[in-house]
Amino acid sequence: MSTEERLKRLFDASPEQLAVVCKILEGKFQTTTVETVGPLLMGMKVAAKFLGVSRTTLWRMVIDGRLKRVEVLPGSFRLRRADLEAIANNN
């Protein structure tokens, strides 16, 4: 890939991709993966406790689009643990 093509891809990058590039340039990018302990999906009560917020605050985060619901049965949903960890780690 030429330098020109790389620059074009950099200018077209999403904010999340640019954040990763910035972390790499700052030397803060971790290549090690952390093994998740516990369930991959959490109910509202457990998720609220995990983040240390109320269920009302958690609902606001879902409504605002900061968290996405995973429907497990019609009318029943869970939240992804990875999404909750990302919020807890300010990512």
PDB file of N, CA and C in Angstrom:
ATOM      1  N   MET A   1       0.853  -1.170   0.000  1.00  0.00           N
ATOM      2  CA  MET A   1       0.000   0.000   0.000  1.00  0.00           C
ATOM      3  C   MET A   1       0.902   1.237   0.000  1.00  0.00           C
ATOM      4  N   SER A   2       0.568   2.181  -0.842  1.00  0.00           N
ATOM      5  CA  SER A   2       1.387   3.385  -0.945  1.00  0.00           C
ATOM      6  C   SER A   2       1.070   4.345   0.202  1.00  0.00           C
ATOM      7  N   THR A   3       1.958   5.299   0.404  1.00  0.00           N
ATOM      8  CA  THR A   3       1.764   6.311   1.448  1.00  0.00           C
ATOM      9  C   THR A   3       0.512   7.119   1.168  1.00  0.00           C
ATOM     10  N   GLU A   4       0.258   7.406  -0.098  1.00  0.00           N
ATOM     11  CA  GLU A   4      -0.934   8.154  -0.474  1.00  0.00           C
ATOM     12  C   GLU A   4      -2.203   7.408  -0.082  1.00  0.00           C
ATOM     13  N   GLU A   5      -2.219   6.104  -0.335  1.00  0.00           N
ATOM     14  CA  GLU A   5      -3.378   5.285   0.021  1.00  0.00           C
ATOM     15  C   GLU A   5      -3.558   5.221   1.531  1.00  0.00           C
ATOM     16  N   ARG A   6      -2.471   5.132   2.253  1.00  0.00           N
ATOM     17  CA  ARG A   6      -2.557   5.112   3.727  1.00  0.00           C
ATOM     18  C   ARG A   6      -3.114   6.417   4.268  1.00  0.00           C
ATOM     19  N   LEU A   7      -2.657   7.534   3.715  1.00  0.00           N
ATOM     20  CA  LEU A   7      -3.172   8.831   4.162  1.00  0.00           C
ATOM     21  C   LEU A   7      -4.661   8.967   3.862  1.00  0.00           C
ATOM     22  N   LYS A   8      -5.077   8.508   2.688  1.00  0.00           N
ATOM     23  CA  LYS A   8      -6.497   8.564   2.340  1.00  0.00           C
ATOM     24  C   LYS A   8      -7.312   7.746   3.334  1.00  0.00           C
ATOM     25  N   ARG A   9      -6.826   6.548   3.662  1.00  0.00           N
ATOM     26  CA  ARG A   9      -7.527   5.709   4.638  1.00  0.00           C
ATOM     27  C   ARG A   9      -7.559   6.363   6.010  1.00  0.00           C
ATOM     28  N   LEU A  10      -6.486   7.062   6.374  1.00  0.00           N
ATOM     29  CA  LEU A  10      -6.446   7.756   7.659  1.00  0.00           C
ATOM     30  C   LEU A  10      -7.482   8.871   7.705  1.00  0.00           C
ATOM     31  N   PHE A  11      -7.605   9.630   6.618  1.00  0.00           N
ATOM     32  CA  PHE A  11      -8.584  10.716   6.570  1.00  0.00           C
ATOM     33  C   PHE A  11     -10.018  10.190   6.558  1.00  0.00           C
ATOM     34  N   ASP A  12     -10.233   8.984   6.063  1.00  0.00           N
ATOM     35  CA  ASP A  12     -11.560   8.388   6.017  1.00  0.00           C
ATOM     36  C   ASP A  12     -11.881   7.561   7.255  1.00  0.00           C
ATOM     37  N   ALA A  13     -10.965   7.500   8.208  1.00  0.00           N
ATOM     38  CA  ALA A  13     -11.139   6.646   9.389  1.00  0.00           C
ATOM     39  C   ALA A  13     -12.254   7.166  10.294  1.00  0.00           C
ATOM     40  N   SER A  14     -12.903   6.231  10.987  1.00  0.00           N
ATOM     41  CA  SER A  14     -13.948   6.584  11.955  1.00  0.00           C
ATOM     42  C   SER A  14     -13.294   7.132  13.224  1.00  0.00           C
ATOM     43  N   PRO A  15     -14.069   7.807  14.072  1.00  0.00           N
ATOM     44  CA  PRO A  15     -13.507   8.312  15.330  1.00  0.00           C
ATOM     45  C   PRO A  15     -12.893   7.205  16.192  1.00  0.00           C
ATOM     46  N   GLU A  16     -13.507   6.008  16.187  1.00  0.00           N
ATOM     47  CA  GLU A  16     -12.970   4.896  16.975  1.00  0.00           C
ATOM     48  C   GLU A  16     -11.613   4.459  16.424  1.00  0.00           C
ATOM     49  N   GLN A  17     -11.498   4.403  15.100  1.00  0.00           N
ATOM     50  CA  GLN A  17     -10.233   4.018  14.479  1.00  0.00           C
ATOM     51  C   GLN A  17      -9.159   5.061  14.753  1.00  0.00           C
ATOM     52  N   LEU A  18      -9.536   6.342  14.703  1.00  0.00           N
ATOM     53  CA  LEU A  18      -8.571   7.408  14.988  1.00  0.00           C
ATOM     54  C   LEU A  18      -8.096   7.345  16.442  1.00  0.00           C
ATOM     55  N   ALA A  19      -9.000   6.972  17.352  1.00  0.00           N
ATOM     56  CA  ALA A  19      -8.623   6.844  18.761  1.00  0.00           C
ATOM     57  C   ALA A  19      -7.569   5.759  18.934  1.00  0.00           C
ATOM     58  N   VAL A  20      -7.712   4.649  18.203  1.00  0.00           N
ATOM     59  CA  VAL A  20      -6.728   3.565  18.268  1.00  0.00           C
ATOM     60  C   VAL A  20      -5.395   4.038  17.703  1.00  0.00           C
ATOM     61  N   VAL A  21      -5.441   4.763  16.592  1.00  0.00           N
ATOM     62  CA  VAL A  21      -4.207   5.285  15.987  1.00  0.00           C
ATOM     63  C   VAL A  21      -3.500   6.211  16.971  1.00  0.00           C
ATOM     64  N   CYS A  22      -4.264   7.074  17.630  1.00  0.00           N
ATOM     65  CA  CYS A  22      -3.670   7.992  18.614  1.00  0.00           C
ATOM     66  C   CYS A  22      -3.024   7.215  19.761  1.00  0.00           C
ATOM     67  N   LYS A  23      -3.674   6.172  20.234  1.00  0.00           N
ATOM     68  CA  LYS A  23      -3.106   5.356  21.311  1.00  0.00           C
ATOM     69  C   LYS A  23      -1.811   4.697  20.868  1.00  0.00           C
ATOM     70  N   ILE A  24      -1.785   4.233  19.633  1.00  0.00           N
ATOM     71  CA  ILE A  24      -0.552   3.620  19.113  1.00  0.00           C
ATOM     72  C   ILE A  24       0.559   4.647  19.068  1.00  0.00           C
ATOM     73  N   LEU A  25       0.265   5.838  18.558  1.00  0.00           N
ATOM     74  CA  LEU A  25       1.285   6.883  18.441  1.00  0.00           C
ATOM     75  C   LEU A  25       1.783   7.358  19.801  1.00  0.00           C
ATOM     76  N   GLU A  26       0.913   7.304  20.805  1.00  0.00           N
ATOM     77  CA  GLU A  26       1.299   7.711  22.161  1.00  0.00           C
ATOM     78  C   GLU A  26       1.958   6.575  22.932  1.00  0.00           C
ATOM     79  N   GLY A  27       2.027   5.393  22.336  1.00  0.00           N
ATOM     80  CA  GLY A  27       2.628   4.246  23.005  1.00  0.00           C
ATOM     81  C   GLY A  27       1.754   3.639  24.081  1.00  0.00           C
ATOM     82  N   LYS A  28       0.450   3.897  24.032  1.00  0.00           N
ATOM     83  CA  LYS A  28      -0.469   3.406  25.054  1.00  0.00           C
ATOM     84  C   LYS A  28      -1.310   2.238  24.572  1.00  0.00           C
ATOM     85  N   PHE A  29      -1.055   1.723  23.382  1.00  0.00           N
ATOM     86  CA  PHE A  29      -1.846   0.633  22.820  1.00  0.00           C
ATOM     87  C   PHE A  29      -1.382  -0.683  23.412  1.00  0.00           C
ATOM     88  N   GLN A  30      -2.322  -1.447  23.963  1.00  0.00           N
ATOM     89  CA  GLN A  30      -2.000  -2.737  24.551  1.00  0.00           C
ATOM     90  C   GLN A  30      -2.380  -3.843  23.583  1.00  0.00           C
ATOM     91  N   THR A  31      -1.454  -4.711  23.305  1.00  0.00           N
ATOM     92  CA  THR A  31      -1.744  -5.820  22.400  1.00  0.00           C
ATOM     93  C   THR A  31      -2.181  -7.063  23.153  1.00  0.00           C
ATOM     94  N   THR A  32      -2.038  -7.066  24.460  1.00  0.00           N
ATOM     95  CA  THR A  32      -2.462  -8.226  25.232  1.00  0.00           C
ATOM     96  C   THR A  32      -3.974  -8.206  25.392  1.00  0.00           C
ATOM     97  N   THR A  33      -4.582  -9.360  25.348  1.00  0.00           N
ATOM     98  CA  THR A  33      -6.016  -9.461  25.539  1.00  0.00           C
ATOM     99  C   THR A  33      -6.302  -9.895  26.967  1.00  0.00           C
ATOM    100  N   VAL A  34      -7.359  -9.350  27.508  1.00  0.00           N
ATOM    101  CA  VAL A  34      -7.769  -9.683  28.864  1.00  0.00           C
ATOM    102  C   VAL A  34      -8.911 -10.678  28.774  1.00  0.00           C
ATOM    103  N   GLU A  35      -8.778 -11.774  29.474  1.00  0.00           N
ATOM    104  CA  GLU A  35      -9.813 -12.799  29.462  1.00  0.00           C
ATOM    105  C   GLU A  35     -10.987 -12.341  30.316  1.00  0.00           C
ATOM    106  N   THR A  36     -12.174 -12.428  29.744  1.00  0.00           N
ATOM    107  CA  THR A  36     -13.380 -12.018  30.447  1.00  0.00           C
ATOM    108  C   THR A  36     -13.789 -13.099  31.434  1.00  0.00           C
ATOM    109  N   VAL A  37     -14.086 -12.658  32.648  1.00  0.00           N
ATOM    110  CA  VAL A  37     -14.546 -13.577  33.681  1.00  0.00           C
ATOM    111  C   VAL A  37     -15.988 -13.215  33.995  1.00  0.00           C
ATOM    112  N   GLY A  38     -16.861 -14.177  33.881  1.00  0.00           N
ATOM    113  CA  GLY A  38     -18.258 -13.924  34.176  1.00  0.00           C
ATOM    114  C   GLY A  38     -19.112 -14.013  32.929  1.00  0.00           C
ATOM    115  N   PRO A  39     -20.384 -13.704  33.068  1.00  0.00           N
ATOM    116  CA  PRO A  39     -21.304 -13.836  31.936  1.00  0.00           C
ATOM    117  C   PRO A  39     -21.021 -12.811  30.843  1.00  0.00           C
ATOM    118  N   LEU A  40     -21.291 -13.186  29.587  1.00  0.00           N
ATOM    119  CA  LEU A  40     -21.095 -12.264  28.472  1.00  0.00           C
ATOM    120  C   LEU A  40     -22.255 -11.291  28.337  1.00  0.00           C
ATOM    121  N   LEU A  41     -23.426 -11.686  28.851  1.00  0.00           N
ATOM    122  CA  LEU A  41     -24.601 -10.821  28.835  1.00  0.00           C
ATOM    123  C   LEU A  41     -25.090 -10.626  30.260  1.00  0.00           C
ATOM    124  N   MET A  42     -25.573  -9.409  30.551  1.00  0.00           N
ATOM    125  CA  MET A  42     -26.053  -9.099  31.901  1.00  0.00           C
ATOM    126  C   MET A  42     -27.436  -8.469  31.849  1.00  0.00           C
ATOM    127  N   GLY A  43     -28.239  -8.792  32.863  1.00  0.00           N
ATOM    128  CA  GLY A  43     -29.533  -8.143  33.024  1.00  0.00           C
ATOM    129  C   GLY A  43     -29.348  -6.731  33.567  1.00  0.00           C
ATOM    130  N   MET A  44     -30.423  -5.967  33.588  1.00  0.00           N
ATOM    131  CA  MET A  44     -30.353  -4.561  34.004  1.00  0.00           C
ATOM    132  C   MET A  44     -29.874  -4.404  35.453  1.00  0.00           C
ATOM    133  N   LYS A  45     -30.377  -5.217  36.352  1.00  0.00           N
ATOM    134  CA  LYS A  45     -30.014  -5.087  37.763  1.00  0.00           C
ATOM    135  C   LYS A  45     -28.523  -5.351  37.965  1.00  0.00           C
ATOM    136  N   VAL A  46     -28.031  -6.441  37.379  1.00  0.00           N
ATOM    137  CA  VAL A  46     -26.620  -6.805  37.519  1.00  0.00           C
ATOM    138  C   VAL A  46     -25.729  -5.783  36.806  1.00  0.00           C
ATOM    139  N   ALA A  47     -26.159  -5.326  35.616  1.00  0.00           N
ATOM    140  CA  ALA A  47     -25.382  -4.351  34.863  1.00  0.00           C
ATOM    141  C   ALA A  47     -25.292  -3.022  35.610  1.00  0.00           C
ATOM    142  N   ALA A  48     -26.392  -2.602  36.224  1.00  0.00           N
ATOM    143  CA  ALA A  48     -26.385  -1.360  36.995  1.00  0.00           C
ATOM    144  C   ALA A  48     -25.434  -1.477  38.179  1.00  0.00           C
ATOM    145  N   LYS A  49     -25.458  -2.602  38.847  1.00  0.00           N
ATOM    146  CA  LYS A  49     -24.550  -2.831  39.978  1.00  0.00           C
ATOM    147  C   LYS A  49     -23.099  -2.856  39.500  1.00  0.00           C
ATOM    148  N   PHE A  50     -22.859  -3.488  38.341  1.00  0.00           N
ATOM    149  CA  PHE A  50     -21.515  -3.566  37.768  1.00  0.00           C
ATOM    150  C   PHE A  50     -20.939  -2.174  37.519  1.00  0.00           C
ATOM    151  N   LEU A  51     -21.766  -1.255  37.000  1.00  0.00           N
ATOM    152  CA  LEU A  51     -21.300   0.111  36.720  1.00  0.00           C
ATOM    153  C   LEU A  51     -21.402   1.031  37.931  1.00  0.00           C
ATOM    154  N   GLY A  52     -22.138   0.599  38.947  1.00  0.00           N
ATOM    155  CA  GLY A  52     -22.305   1.446  40.129  1.00  0.00           C
ATOM    156  C   GLY A  52     -23.272   2.590  39.887  1.00  0.00           C
ATOM    157  N   VAL A  53     -24.287   2.335  39.048  1.00  0.00           N
ATOM    158  CA  VAL A  53     -25.300   3.351  38.757  1.00  0.00           C
ATOM    159  C   VAL A  53     -26.671   2.746  39.013  1.00  0.00           C
ATOM    160  N   SER A  54     -27.688   3.592  38.986  1.00  0.00           N
ATOM    161  CA  SER A  54     -29.050   3.090  39.169  1.00  0.00           C
ATOM    162  C   SER A  54     -29.559   2.495  37.863  1.00  0.00           C
ATOM    163  N   ARG A  55     -30.632   1.726  37.974  1.00  0.00           N
ATOM    164  CA  ARG A  55     -31.226   1.163  36.756  1.00  0.00           C
ATOM    165  C   ARG A  55     -31.800   2.261  35.873  1.00  0.00           C
ATOM    166  N   THR A  56     -32.264   3.347  36.491  1.00  0.00           N
ATOM    167  CA  THR A  56     -32.768   4.486  35.713  1.00  0.00           C
ATOM    168  C   THR A  56     -31.654   5.090  34.869  1.00  0.00           C
ATOM    169  N   THR A  57     -30.491   5.261  35.455  1.00  0.00           N
ATOM    170  CA  THR A  57     -29.340   5.792  34.711  1.00  0.00           C
ATOM    171  C   THR A  57     -28.959   4.841  33.585  1.00  0.00           C
ATOM    172  N   LEU A  58     -29.005   3.560  33.862  1.00  0.00           N
ATOM    173  CA  LEU A  58     -28.687   2.563  32.841  1.00  0.00           C
ATOM    174  C   LEU A  58     -29.687   2.641  31.684  1.00  0.00           C
ATOM    175  N   TRP A  59     -30.977   2.808  32.007  1.00  0.00           N
ATOM    176  CA  TRP A  59     -31.991   2.965  30.961  1.00  0.00           C
ATOM    177  C   TRP A  59     -31.703   4.194  30.115  1.00  0.00           C
ATOM    178  N   ARG A  60     -31.294   5.276  30.753  1.00  0.00           N
ATOM    179  CA  ARG A  60     -30.956   6.495  29.995  1.00  0.00           C
ATOM    180  C   ARG A  60     -29.811   6.230  29.031  1.00  0.00           C
ATOM    181  N   MET A  61     -28.839   5.445  29.461  1.00  0.00           N
ATOM    182  CA  MET A  61     -27.704   5.113  28.602  1.00  0.00           C
ATOM    183  C   MET A  61     -28.154   4.289  27.397  1.00  0.00           C
ATOM    184  N   VAL A  62     -29.131   3.404  27.611  1.00  0.00           N
ATOM    185  CA  VAL A  62     -29.677   2.610  26.507  1.00  0.00           C
ATOM    186  C   VAL A  62     -30.443   3.523  25.549  1.00  0.00           C
ATOM    187  N   ILE A  63     -31.273   4.391  26.092  1.00  0.00           N
ATOM    188  CA  ILE A  63     -32.077   5.303  25.267  1.00  0.00           C
ATOM    189  C   ILE A  63     -31.181   6.261  24.489  1.00  0.00           C
ATOM    190  N   ASP A  64     -30.100   6.734  25.121  1.00  0.00           N
ATOM    191  CA  ASP A  64     -29.162   7.654  24.460  1.00  0.00           C
ATOM    192  C   ASP A  64     -28.300   6.956  23.411  1.00  0.00           C
ATOM    193  N   GLY A  65     -28.319   5.627  23.386  1.00  0.00           N
ATOM    194  CA  GLY A  65     -27.533   4.888  22.410  1.00  0.00           C
ATOM    195  C   GLY A  65     -26.124   4.545  22.860  1.00  0.00           C
ATOM    196  N   ARG A  66     -25.796   4.838  24.115  1.00  0.00           N
ATOM    197  CA  ARG A  66     -24.463   4.497  24.628  1.00  0.00           C
ATOM    198  C   ARG A  66     -24.327   2.999  24.855  1.00  0.00           C
ATOM    199  N   LEU A  67     -25.446   2.330  25.088  1.00  0.00           N
ATOM    200  CA  LEU A  67     -25.472   0.871  25.253  1.00  0.00           C
ATOM    201  C   LEU A  67     -26.509   0.298  24.313  1.00  0.00           C
ATOM    202  N   LYS A  68     -26.213  -0.858  23.740  1.00  0.00           N
ATOM    203  CA  LYS A  68     -27.163  -1.527  22.849  1.00  0.00           C
ATOM    204  C   LYS A  68     -27.722  -2.758  23.533  1.00  0.00           C
ATOM    205  N   ARG A  69     -29.016  -2.963  23.330  1.00  0.00           N
ATOM    206  CA  ARG A  69     -29.693  -4.119  23.914  1.00  0.00           C
ATOM    207  C   ARG A  69     -29.519  -5.344  23.019  1.00  0.00           C
ATOM    208  N   VAL A  70     -29.451  -6.498  23.653  1.00  0.00           N
ATOM    209  CA  VAL A  70     -29.437  -7.781  22.937  1.00  0.00           C
ATOM    210  C   VAL A  70     -30.714  -8.500  23.350  1.00  0.00           C
ATOM    211  N   GLU A  71     -31.616  -8.662  22.389  1.00  0.00           N
ATOM    212  CA  GLU A  71     -32.885  -9.318  22.698  1.00  0.00           C
ATOM    213  C   GLU A  71     -32.672 -10.824  22.747  1.00  0.00           C
ATOM    214  N   VAL A  72     -32.968 -11.426  23.893  1.00  0.00           N
ATOM    215  CA  VAL A  72     -32.785 -12.868  24.057  1.00  0.00           C
ATOM    216  C   VAL A  72     -34.097 -13.625  23.842  1.00  0.00           C
ATOM    217  N   LEU A  73     -35.195 -12.999  24.158  1.00  0.00           N
ATOM    218  CA  LEU A  73     -36.549 -13.507  23.913  1.00  0.00           C
ATOM    219  C   LEU A  73     -37.408 -12.287  23.598  1.00  0.00           C
ATOM    220  N   PRO A  74     -38.534 -12.469  22.950  1.00  0.00           N
ATOM    221  CA  PRO A  74     -39.389 -11.306  22.694  1.00  0.00           C
ATOM    222  C   PRO A  74     -39.719 -10.564  23.991  1.00  0.00           C
ATOM    223  N   GLY A  75     -39.343  -9.307  24.049  1.00  0.00           N
ATOM    224  CA  GLY A  75     -39.610  -8.497  25.241  1.00  0.00           C
ATOM    225  C   GLY A  75     -38.583  -8.653  26.347  1.00  0.00           C
ATOM    226  N   SER A  76     -37.592  -9.492  26.168  1.00  0.00           N
ATOM    227  CA  SER A  76     -36.559  -9.719  27.177  1.00  0.00           C
ATOM    228  C   SER A  76     -35.192  -9.467  26.546  1.00  0.00           C
ATOM    229  N   PHE A  77     -34.385  -8.666  27.216  1.00  0.00           N
ATOM    230  CA  PHE A  77     -33.083  -8.355  26.643  1.00  0.00           C
ATOM    231  C   PHE A  77     -32.006  -8.293  27.709  1.00  0.00           C
ATOM    232  N   ARG A  78     -30.773  -8.286  27.260  1.00  0.00           N
ATOM    233  CA  ARG A  78     -29.599  -8.179  28.128  1.00  0.00           C
ATOM    234  C   ARG A  78     -28.656  -7.142  27.535  1.00  0.00           C
ATOM    235  N   LEU A  79     -27.620  -6.804  28.299  1.00  0.00           N
ATOM    236  CA  LEU A  79     -26.582  -5.886  27.840  1.00  0.00           C
ATOM    237  C   LEU A  79     -25.269  -6.643  27.754  1.00  0.00           C
ATOM    238  N   ARG A  80     -24.451  -6.302  26.771  1.00  0.00           N
ATOM    239  CA  ARG A  80     -23.168  -6.976  26.582  1.00  0.00           C
ATOM    240  C   ARG A  80     -22.180  -6.536  27.663  1.00  0.00           C
ATOM    241  N   ARG A  81     -21.524  -7.501  28.261  1.00  0.00           N
ATOM    242  CA  ARG A  81     -20.520  -7.221  29.285  1.00  0.00           C
ATOM    243  C   ARG A  81     -19.383  -6.379  28.707  1.00  0.00           C
ATOM    244  N   ALA A  82     -18.983  -6.655  27.467  1.00  0.00           N
ATOM    245  CA  ALA A  82     -17.893  -5.904  26.829  1.00  0.00           C
ATOM    246  C   ALA A  82     -18.240  -4.423  26.710  1.00  0.00           C
ATOM    247  N   ASP A  83     -19.511  -4.108  26.379  1.00  0.00           N
ATOM    248  CA  ASP A  83     -19.946  -2.716  26.296  1.00  0.00           C
ATOM    249  C   ASP A  83     -19.901  -2.046  27.666  1.00  0.00           C
ATOM    250  N   LEU A  84     -20.309  -2.789  28.690  1.00  0.00           N
ATOM    251  CA  LEU A  84     -20.296  -2.239  30.052  1.00  0.00           C
ATOM    252  C   LEU A  84     -18.864  -2.007  30.522  1.00  0.00           C
ATOM    253  N   GLU A  85     -17.957  -2.949  30.203  1.00  0.00           N
ATOM    254  CA  GLU A  85     -16.553  -2.789  30.577  1.00  0.00           C
ATOM    255  C   GLU A  85     -15.939  -1.597  29.877  1.00  0.00           C
ATOM    256  N   ALA A  86     -16.316  -1.372  28.613  1.00  0.00           N
ATOM    257  CA  ALA A  86     -15.788  -0.235  27.866  1.00  0.00           C
ATOM    258  C   ALA A  86     -16.208   1.083  28.521  1.00  0.00           C
ATOM    259  N   ILE A  87     -17.452   1.152  28.984  1.00  0.00           N
ATOM    260  CA  ILE A  87     -17.912   2.360  29.677  1.00  0.00           C
ATOM    261  C   ILE A  87     -17.189   2.491  31.011  1.00  0.00           C
ATOM    262  N   ALA A  88     -17.035   1.391  31.727  1.00  0.00           N
ATOM    263  CA  ALA A  88     -16.345   1.432  33.022  1.00  0.00           C
ATOM    264  C   ALA A  88     -14.886   1.878  32.868  1.00  0.00           C
ATOM    265  N   ASN A  89     -14.283   1.540  31.729  1.00  0.00           N
ATOM    266  CA  ASN A  89     -12.886   1.909  31.483  1.00  0.00           C
ATOM    267  C   ASN A  89     -12.749   3.217  30.704  1.00  0.00           C
ATOM    268  N   ASN A  90     -13.876   3.919  30.503  1.00  0.00           N
ATOM    269  CA  ASN A  90     -13.911   5.193  29.764  1.00  0.00           C
ATOM    270  C   ASN A  90     -13.391   5.055  28.356  1.00  0.00           C
ATOM    271  N   ASN A  91     -13.730   3.970  27.655  1.00  0.00           N
ATOM    272  CA  ASN A  91     -13.297   3.779  26.250  1.00  0.00           C
ATOM    273  C   ASN A  91     -14.409   4.132  25.312  1.00  0.00           C
TER     274      ASN A  91
END
